[in-house]
């Protein structure tokens, strides 16, 4: 499971002209799922994200987590995070899970992060053509891969 975490001042997701999710201060989480991902990946990644100390404290030091800051989140599925660009110029998405595997994992991840935050989070529509807008705050952008826990 791969996630691109972006600290935002605001973010939204629009599908077919209708805004379906919108937040102010918080995190935009782009989530890529592969066939080998498990419930353990979901639990680890959710805990890691909600506890990342990337929000400023009173001294303007990145010392607070999403939980501490009481920020919001949007989770958007993005299979292109598993693109392989090793050969040629056309990315291969062979590692990205197909919808029958990815959709249940995506939905479980949303449920897990909601439980860890103790609040609802916004989301995209799996497989839809989405327009994602954000104002990256910082900018702070972090890549996390459950298969490479650095």
N, C-alpha and C. Protein backbone atom coordinates (compact mmCIF):
# COMPACT_ATOMS: atom_id res chain seq x y z
N UNK A 1 0.85 -1.16 0.00
CA UNK A 1 0.00 0.00 0.00
C UNK A 1 0.90 1.23 0.00
N UNK A 2 0.62 2.14 -0.87
CA UNK A 2 1.37 3.38 -0.95
C UNK A 2 0.43 4.55 -0.72
N UNK A 3 0.96 5.55 -0.02
CA UNK A 3 0.17 6.75 0.21
C UNK A 3 1.04 7.97 0.01
N UNK A 4 0.48 8.95 -0.65
CA UNK A 4 1.07 10.28 -0.71
C UNK A 4 0.23 11.14 0.21
N UNK A 5 0.90 11.67 1.23
CA UNK A 5 0.23 12.47 2.26
C UNK A 5 0.57 13.93 2.01
N UNK A 6 -0.45 14.75 1.86
CA UNK A 6 -0.21 16.18 1.64
C UNK A 6 -0.94 16.97 2.71
N UNK A 7 -0.15 17.79 3.44
CA UNK A 7 -0.76 18.68 4.43
C UNK A 7 -1.38 19.84 3.65
N UNK A 8 -2.65 20.10 3.90
CA UNK A 8 -3.37 21.08 3.10
C UNK A 8 -4.06 22.14 3.97
N UNK A 9 -4.20 23.31 3.39
CA UNK A 9 -5.03 24.36 3.98
C UNK A 9 -6.48 24.17 3.55
N UNK A 10 -6.63 23.51 2.38
CA UNK A 10 -7.96 23.14 1.90
C UNK A 10 -7.78 22.12 0.78
N UNK A 11 -8.80 21.28 0.61
CA UNK A 11 -8.80 20.30 -0.48
C UNK A 11 -10.24 19.91 -0.78
N UNK A 12 -10.45 19.48 -2.02
CA UNK A 12 -11.78 19.03 -2.41
C UNK A 12 -11.68 18.02 -3.54
N UNK A 13 -12.75 17.23 -3.69
CA UNK A 13 -12.85 16.25 -4.76
C UNK A 13 -14.18 16.49 -5.47
N UNK A 14 -14.10 16.60 -6.80
CA UNK A 14 -15.29 16.82 -7.62
C UNK A 14 -15.39 15.68 -8.63
N UNK A 15 -16.60 15.12 -8.77
CA UNK A 15 -16.87 14.06 -9.73
C UNK A 15 -18.08 14.49 -10.56
N UNK A 16 -17.91 14.47 -11.88
CA UNK A 16 -18.98 14.86 -12.81
C UNK A 16 -19.62 16.19 -12.43
N UNK A 17 -18.77 17.16 -12.08
CA UNK A 17 -19.23 18.50 -11.77
C UNK A 17 -19.79 18.70 -10.38
N UNK A 18 -19.87 17.63 -9.58
CA UNK A 18 -20.41 17.73 -8.23
C UNK A 18 -19.30 17.55 -7.20
N UNK A 19 -19.16 18.53 -6.31
CA UNK A 19 -18.17 18.42 -5.25
C UNK A 19 -18.67 17.41 -4.22
N UNK A 20 -17.90 16.33 -4.03
CA UNK A 20 -18.35 15.26 -3.13
C UNK A 20 -17.62 15.26 -1.79
N UNK A 21 -16.46 15.91 -1.72
CA UNK A 21 -15.71 16.00 -0.47
C UNK A 21 -15.00 17.34 -0.43
N UNK A 22 -14.92 17.89 0.79
CA UNK A 22 -14.24 19.18 0.96
C UNK A 22 -13.76 19.26 2.40
N UNK A 23 -12.50 19.70 2.57
CA UNK A 23 -11.98 19.94 3.91
C UNK A 23 -11.22 21.26 3.94
N UNK A 24 -11.00 21.74 5.13
CA UNK A 24 -10.09 22.86 5.33
C UNK A 24 -8.78 22.25 5.83
N UNK A 25 -8.23 22.70 6.91
CA UNK A 25 -6.94 22.21 7.40
C UNK A 25 -6.96 20.71 7.63
N UNK A 26 -5.97 20.01 7.09
CA UNK A 26 -5.90 18.57 7.29
C UNK A 26 -4.98 17.90 6.30
N UNK A 27 -5.35 16.68 5.92
CA UNK A 27 -4.53 15.88 5.02
C UNK A 27 -5.32 15.39 3.82
N UNK A 28 -4.72 15.50 2.66
CA UNK A 28 -5.20 14.83 1.46
C UNK A 28 -4.35 13.58 1.33
N UNK A 29 -4.99 12.42 1.31
CA UNK A 29 -4.29 11.14 1.26
C UNK A 29 -4.61 10.46 -0.06
N UNK A 30 -3.59 10.34 -0.92
CA UNK A 30 -3.74 9.61 -2.17
C UNK A 30 -3.28 8.19 -1.89
N UNK A 31 -4.14 7.19 -2.14
CA UNK A 31 -3.88 5.82 -1.72
C UNK A 31 -3.81 4.87 -2.91
N UNK A 32 -2.68 4.18 -3.03
CA UNK A 32 -2.50 3.16 -4.06
C UNK A 32 -2.48 1.79 -3.42
N UNK A 33 -3.22 0.87 -3.99
CA UNK A 33 -3.38 -0.47 -3.41
C UNK A 33 -2.85 -1.50 -4.39
N UNK A 34 -2.11 -2.50 -3.86
CA UNK A 34 -1.62 -3.59 -4.68
C UNK A 34 -2.17 -4.91 -4.16
N UNK A 35 -2.05 -5.96 -4.96
CA UNK A 35 -2.65 -7.25 -4.63
C UNK A 35 -2.18 -7.83 -3.31
N UNK A 36 -0.96 -7.58 -2.91
CA UNK A 36 -0.42 -8.19 -1.70
C UNK A 36 -0.78 -7.43 -0.42
N UNK A 37 -1.53 -6.33 -0.53
CA UNK A 37 -1.89 -5.55 0.66
C UNK A 37 -2.87 -6.33 1.54
N UNK A 38 -2.74 -6.10 2.85
CA UNK A 38 -3.54 -6.84 3.85
C UNK A 38 -4.16 -5.89 4.86
N UNK A 39 -4.95 -6.46 5.76
CA UNK A 39 -5.50 -5.67 6.86
C UNK A 39 -4.40 -5.10 7.75
N UNK A 40 -3.29 -5.82 7.86
CA UNK A 40 -2.16 -5.32 8.66
C UNK A 40 -1.58 -4.05 8.03
N UNK A 41 -1.51 -4.02 6.69
CA UNK A 41 -1.05 -2.81 6.00
C UNK A 41 -1.99 -1.65 6.29
N UNK A 42 -3.28 -1.93 6.26
CA UNK A 42 -4.28 -0.89 6.52
C UNK A 42 -4.11 -0.32 7.92
N UNK A 43 -4.03 -1.19 8.92
CA UNK A 43 -3.92 -0.74 10.31
C UNK A 43 -2.63 0.06 10.53
N UNK A 44 -1.51 -0.46 10.01
CA UNK A 44 -0.23 0.21 10.20
C UNK A 44 -0.23 1.59 9.54
N UNK A 45 -0.69 1.64 8.29
CA UNK A 45 -0.68 2.89 7.53
C UNK A 45 -1.60 3.93 8.16
N UNK A 46 -2.78 3.53 8.57
CA UNK A 46 -3.71 4.47 9.20
C UNK A 46 -3.11 5.06 10.47
N UNK A 47 -2.57 4.20 11.33
CA UNK A 47 -1.95 4.68 12.58
C UNK A 47 -0.79 5.63 12.28
N UNK A 48 0.02 5.28 11.29
CA UNK A 48 1.16 6.11 10.93
C UNK A 48 0.68 7.49 10.46
N UNK A 49 -0.32 7.52 9.62
CA UNK A 49 -0.80 8.79 9.06
C UNK A 49 -1.41 9.68 10.14
N UNK A 50 -2.29 9.15 10.97
CA UNK A 50 -2.97 10.01 11.95
C UNK A 50 -2.02 10.50 13.04
N UNK A 51 -0.88 9.81 13.22
CA UNK A 51 0.07 10.19 14.26
C UNK A 51 1.31 10.92 13.74
N UNK A 52 1.42 11.10 12.41
CA UNK A 52 2.55 11.84 11.85
C UNK A 52 2.56 13.26 12.41
N UNK A 53 3.68 13.66 12.95
CA UNK A 53 3.79 14.99 13.55
C UNK A 53 4.26 15.98 12.48
N UNK A 54 3.30 16.44 11.68
CA UNK A 54 3.61 17.33 10.56
C UNK A 54 2.80 18.62 10.58
N UNK A 55 2.11 18.87 11.71
CA UNK A 55 1.36 20.11 11.87
C UNK A 55 2.07 20.98 12.89
N UNK A 56 2.04 22.28 12.67
CA UNK A 56 2.75 23.20 13.55
C UNK A 56 2.10 23.30 14.92
N UNK A 57 2.96 23.41 15.94
CA UNK A 57 2.49 23.68 17.29
C UNK A 57 2.50 25.20 17.51
N UNK A 58 2.30 25.64 18.74
CA UNK A 58 2.24 27.07 19.05
C UNK A 58 3.55 27.79 18.72
N UNK A 59 4.66 27.05 18.69
CA UNK A 59 5.97 27.63 18.37
C UNK A 59 6.30 27.54 16.89
N UNK A 60 5.32 27.15 16.07
CA UNK A 60 5.51 27.00 14.62
C UNK A 60 6.52 25.91 14.28
N UNK A 61 6.57 24.87 15.10
CA UNK A 61 7.41 23.70 14.86
C UNK A 61 6.49 22.54 14.51
N UNK A 62 6.87 21.73 13.49
CA UNK A 62 6.05 20.57 13.13
C UNK A 62 6.16 19.54 14.25
N UNK A 63 5.21 19.63 15.17
CA UNK A 63 5.25 18.79 16.37
C UNK A 63 3.90 18.17 16.69
N UNK A 64 2.86 18.52 15.92
CA UNK A 64 1.52 18.02 16.18
C UNK A 64 1.06 17.07 15.06
N UNK A 65 0.26 16.12 15.44
CA UNK A 65 -0.30 15.16 14.49
C UNK A 65 -1.67 15.64 14.00
N UNK A 66 -2.23 14.90 13.09
CA UNK A 66 -3.60 15.18 12.64
C UNK A 66 -4.56 15.06 13.82
N UNK A 67 -4.33 14.08 14.68
CA UNK A 67 -5.14 13.92 15.88
C UNK A 67 -5.02 15.14 16.78
N UNK A 68 -3.78 15.59 17.02
CA UNK A 68 -3.54 16.74 17.89
C UNK A 68 -4.20 18.00 17.34
N UNK A 69 -4.09 18.18 16.04
CA UNK A 69 -4.57 19.41 15.40
C UNK A 69 -6.08 19.38 15.13
N UNK A 70 -6.68 18.21 15.32
CA UNK A 70 -8.11 18.03 15.06
C UNK A 70 -8.47 18.36 13.61
N UNK A 71 -7.50 18.10 12.71
CA UNK A 71 -7.71 18.35 11.30
C UNK A 71 -8.58 17.28 10.66
N UNK A 72 -8.93 17.52 9.43
CA UNK A 72 -9.77 16.60 8.66
C UNK A 72 -8.93 15.88 7.62
N UNK A 73 -9.54 14.95 6.91
CA UNK A 73 -8.83 14.19 5.89
C UNK A 73 -9.76 13.83 4.75
N UNK A 74 -9.15 13.67 3.58
CA UNK A 74 -9.81 13.12 2.40
C UNK A 74 -8.92 12.00 1.90
N UNK A 75 -9.53 10.84 1.59
CA UNK A 75 -8.80 9.70 1.05
C UNK A 75 -9.26 9.48 -0.39
N UNK A 76 -8.31 9.49 -1.32
CA UNK A 76 -8.61 9.32 -2.73
C UNK A 76 -7.82 8.13 -3.28
N UNK A 77 -8.50 7.19 -3.90
CA UNK A 77 -7.81 6.05 -4.50
C UNK A 77 -7.03 6.53 -5.72
N UNK A 78 -5.80 6.00 -5.87
CA UNK A 78 -4.98 6.42 -7.01
C UNK A 78 -4.06 5.26 -7.41
N UNK A 79 -4.53 4.46 -8.36
CA UNK A 79 -3.77 3.29 -8.81
C UNK A 79 -2.44 3.67 -9.44
N UNK A 80 -2.33 4.89 -9.94
CA UNK A 80 -1.09 5.30 -10.61
C UNK A 80 0.10 5.40 -9.66
N UNK A 81 -0.14 5.33 -8.35
CA UNK A 81 0.97 5.32 -7.40
C UNK A 81 1.81 4.05 -7.52
N UNK A 82 1.26 3.02 -8.19
CA UNK A 82 1.99 1.78 -8.40
C UNK A 82 2.52 1.67 -9.83
N UNK A 83 2.66 2.80 -10.50
CA UNK A 83 3.19 2.80 -11.86
C UNK A 83 4.64 2.35 -11.87
N UNK A 84 4.96 1.51 -12.83
CA UNK A 84 6.35 1.12 -13.06
C UNK A 84 6.79 1.81 -14.34
N UNK A 85 7.91 2.53 -14.24
CA UNK A 85 8.42 3.26 -15.40
C UNK A 85 9.78 2.72 -15.82
N UNK A 86 10.06 1.48 -15.44
CA UNK A 86 11.37 0.88 -15.70
C UNK A 86 11.65 0.74 -17.20
N UNK A 87 10.65 0.28 -17.95
CA UNK A 87 10.86 0.05 -19.39
C UNK A 87 10.00 1.02 -20.19
N UNK A 88 10.61 1.62 -21.16
CA UNK A 88 9.87 2.48 -22.09
C UNK A 88 9.33 3.73 -21.44
N UNK A 89 8.40 4.37 -22.13
CA UNK A 89 7.82 5.62 -21.67
C UNK A 89 6.37 5.51 -21.24
N UNK A 90 5.78 4.33 -21.46
CA UNK A 90 4.40 4.14 -21.05
C UNK A 90 4.41 3.36 -19.73
N UNK A 91 3.92 3.98 -18.64
CA UNK A 91 3.94 3.30 -17.34
C UNK A 91 3.12 2.01 -17.36
N UNK A 92 3.59 1.04 -16.60
CA UNK A 92 2.85 -0.20 -16.41
C UNK A 92 2.20 -0.16 -15.03
N UNK A 93 0.96 -0.60 -14.97
CA UNK A 93 0.21 -0.60 -13.71
C UNK A 93 -0.06 -2.02 -13.23
N UNK A 94 0.80 -2.95 -13.62
CA UNK A 94 0.60 -4.36 -13.32
C UNK A 94 0.53 -4.63 -11.81
N UNK A 95 1.24 -3.82 -11.00
CA UNK A 95 1.24 -4.04 -9.55
C UNK A 95 -0.01 -3.49 -8.87
N UNK A 96 -0.73 -2.61 -9.54
CA UNK A 96 -1.94 -2.04 -8.95
C UNK A 96 -3.04 -3.10 -8.90
N UNK A 97 -3.69 -3.19 -7.76
CA UNK A 97 -4.76 -4.18 -7.59
C UNK A 97 -5.95 -3.84 -8.48
N UNK A 98 -6.58 -4.89 -8.98
CA UNK A 98 -7.81 -4.73 -9.76
C UNK A 98 -8.95 -4.36 -8.81
N UNK A 99 -10.03 -3.78 -9.33
CA UNK A 99 -11.12 -3.31 -8.48
C UNK A 99 -11.68 -4.35 -7.50
N UNK A 100 -11.77 -5.63 -7.90
CA UNK A 100 -12.35 -6.62 -6.99
C UNK A 100 -11.52 -6.80 -5.72
N UNK A 101 -10.22 -6.53 -5.79
CA UNK A 101 -9.34 -6.58 -4.62
C UNK A 101 -9.24 -5.18 -3.99
N UNK A 102 -9.07 -4.16 -4.81
CA UNK A 102 -8.78 -2.82 -4.32
C UNK A 102 -9.96 -2.14 -3.63
N UNK A 103 -11.16 -2.30 -4.16
CA UNK A 103 -12.31 -1.59 -3.57
C UNK A 103 -12.54 -1.98 -2.11
N UNK A 104 -12.59 -3.28 -1.77
CA UNK A 104 -12.78 -3.61 -0.35
C UNK A 104 -11.65 -3.09 0.55
N UNK A 105 -10.41 -3.13 0.06
CA UNK A 105 -9.29 -2.62 0.85
C UNK A 105 -9.38 -1.09 1.01
N UNK A 106 -9.75 -0.41 -0.04
CA UNK A 106 -9.95 1.04 0.01
C UNK A 106 -11.03 1.40 1.03
N UNK A 107 -12.14 0.69 0.98
CA UNK A 107 -13.23 0.95 1.92
C UNK A 107 -12.82 0.63 3.36
N UNK A 108 -12.04 -0.45 3.55
CA UNK A 108 -11.55 -0.79 4.89
C UNK A 108 -10.57 0.26 5.40
N UNK A 109 -9.74 0.79 4.51
CA UNK A 109 -8.81 1.84 4.92
C UNK A 109 -9.58 3.07 5.39
N UNK A 110 -10.60 3.47 4.65
CA UNK A 110 -11.42 4.63 5.05
C UNK A 110 -12.04 4.37 6.42
N UNK A 111 -12.60 3.19 6.62
CA UNK A 111 -13.20 2.85 7.93
C UNK A 111 -12.16 2.89 9.04
N UNK A 112 -10.95 2.39 8.75
CA UNK A 112 -9.90 2.36 9.77
C UNK A 112 -9.45 3.77 10.14
N UNK A 113 -9.26 4.62 9.16
CA UNK A 113 -8.79 5.97 9.47
C UNK A 113 -9.88 6.77 10.18
N UNK A 114 -11.14 6.50 9.83
CA UNK A 114 -12.25 7.13 10.57
C UNK A 114 -12.25 6.69 12.03
N UNK A 115 -12.02 5.41 12.26
CA UNK A 115 -11.96 4.90 13.63
C UNK A 115 -10.77 5.51 14.39
N UNK A 116 -9.61 5.59 13.73
CA UNK A 116 -8.43 6.15 14.38
C UNK A 116 -8.56 7.64 14.66
N UNK A 117 -9.28 8.35 13.81
CA UNK A 117 -9.51 9.79 14.02
C UNK A 117 -10.75 10.07 14.85
N UNK A 118 -11.61 9.08 14.95
CA UNK A 118 -12.90 9.23 15.64
C UNK A 118 -13.76 10.30 14.97
N UNK A 119 -13.74 10.30 13.64
CA UNK A 119 -14.58 11.22 12.85
C UNK A 119 -14.65 10.73 11.42
N UNK A 120 -15.64 11.21 10.69
CA UNK A 120 -15.79 10.89 9.28
C UNK A 120 -14.68 11.57 8.48
N UNK A 121 -14.28 10.92 7.40
CA UNK A 121 -13.33 11.53 6.48
C UNK A 121 -13.97 11.61 5.11
N UNK A 122 -13.50 12.54 4.31
CA UNK A 122 -13.97 12.64 2.94
C UNK A 122 -13.32 11.56 2.09
N UNK A 123 -13.86 11.35 0.92
CA UNK A 123 -13.29 10.35 0.02
C UNK A 123 -13.63 10.70 -1.42
N UNK A 124 -12.96 9.98 -2.31
CA UNK A 124 -13.26 10.08 -3.72
C UNK A 124 -14.20 8.97 -4.10
N UNK A 125 -14.35 8.75 -5.40
CA UNK A 125 -15.15 7.65 -5.93
C UNK A 125 -14.21 6.73 -6.67
N UNK A 126 -14.10 5.50 -6.21
CA UNK A 126 -13.15 4.56 -6.78
C UNK A 126 -13.38 4.41 -8.28
N UNK A 127 -12.33 4.59 -9.07
CA UNK A 127 -12.39 4.39 -10.51
C UNK A 127 -12.98 5.54 -11.30
N UNK A 128 -13.46 6.56 -10.61
CA UNK A 128 -14.07 7.69 -11.31
C UNK A 128 -13.01 8.67 -11.79
N UNK A 129 -13.37 9.47 -12.78
CA UNK A 129 -12.53 10.58 -13.21
C UNK A 129 -12.79 11.70 -12.22
N UNK A 130 -11.82 11.93 -11.34
CA UNK A 130 -11.99 12.91 -10.26
C UNK A 130 -11.15 14.14 -10.52
N UNK A 131 -11.65 15.26 -10.09
CA UNK A 131 -10.90 16.51 -10.09
C UNK A 131 -10.57 16.79 -8.63
N UNK A 132 -9.28 16.72 -8.31
CA UNK A 132 -8.83 16.91 -6.95
C UNK A 132 -8.11 18.26 -6.87
N UNK A 133 -8.62 19.12 -6.02
CA UNK A 133 -8.00 20.43 -5.82
C UNK A 133 -7.44 20.50 -4.41
N UNK A 134 -6.28 21.16 -4.29
CA UNK A 134 -5.70 21.31 -2.96
C UNK A 134 -4.83 22.54 -2.90
N UNK A 135 -4.70 23.05 -1.70
CA UNK A 135 -3.72 24.09 -1.41
C UNK A 135 -2.76 23.45 -0.43
N UNK A 136 -1.60 23.00 -0.96
CA UNK A 136 -0.60 22.31 -0.14
C UNK A 136 0.00 23.33 0.82
N UNK A 137 -0.02 22.99 2.10
CA UNK A 137 0.45 23.88 3.16
C UNK A 137 1.87 23.53 3.52
N UNK A 138 2.79 24.40 3.20
CA UNK A 138 4.19 24.18 3.57
C UNK A 138 5.15 24.48 2.43
N UNK A 139 5.22 23.70 1.41
CA UNK A 139 4.49 22.46 1.16
C UNK A 139 5.04 21.30 2.00
N UNK A 140 4.13 20.47 2.46
CA UNK A 140 4.49 19.24 3.16
C UNK A 140 3.86 18.09 2.40
N UNK A 141 4.69 17.24 1.82
CA UNK A 141 4.25 16.07 1.07
C UNK A 141 5.15 14.90 1.46
N UNK A 142 4.52 13.80 1.89
CA UNK A 142 5.27 12.64 2.37
C UNK A 142 4.75 11.39 1.67
N UNK A 143 5.70 10.54 1.24
CA UNK A 143 5.37 9.27 0.63
C UNK A 143 5.60 8.16 1.65
N UNK A 144 4.60 7.30 1.81
CA UNK A 144 4.71 6.16 2.72
C UNK A 144 4.34 4.90 1.94
N UNK A 145 5.19 3.87 2.09
CA UNK A 145 4.96 2.58 1.44
C UNK A 145 5.02 1.50 2.51
N UNK A 146 3.95 0.75 2.70
CA UNK A 146 3.90 -0.27 3.74
C UNK A 146 4.87 -1.41 3.49
N UNK A 147 5.35 -1.53 2.26
CA UNK A 147 6.32 -2.58 1.92
C UNK A 147 7.76 -2.12 2.14
N UNK A 148 7.94 -0.83 2.41
CA UNK A 148 9.25 -0.24 2.61
C UNK A 148 9.15 0.77 3.76
N UNK A 149 9.04 0.27 4.96
CA UNK A 149 8.79 1.12 6.13
C UNK A 149 10.06 1.85 6.57
N UNK A 150 10.30 3.00 5.97
CA UNK A 150 11.48 3.80 6.30
C UNK A 150 11.16 4.82 7.36
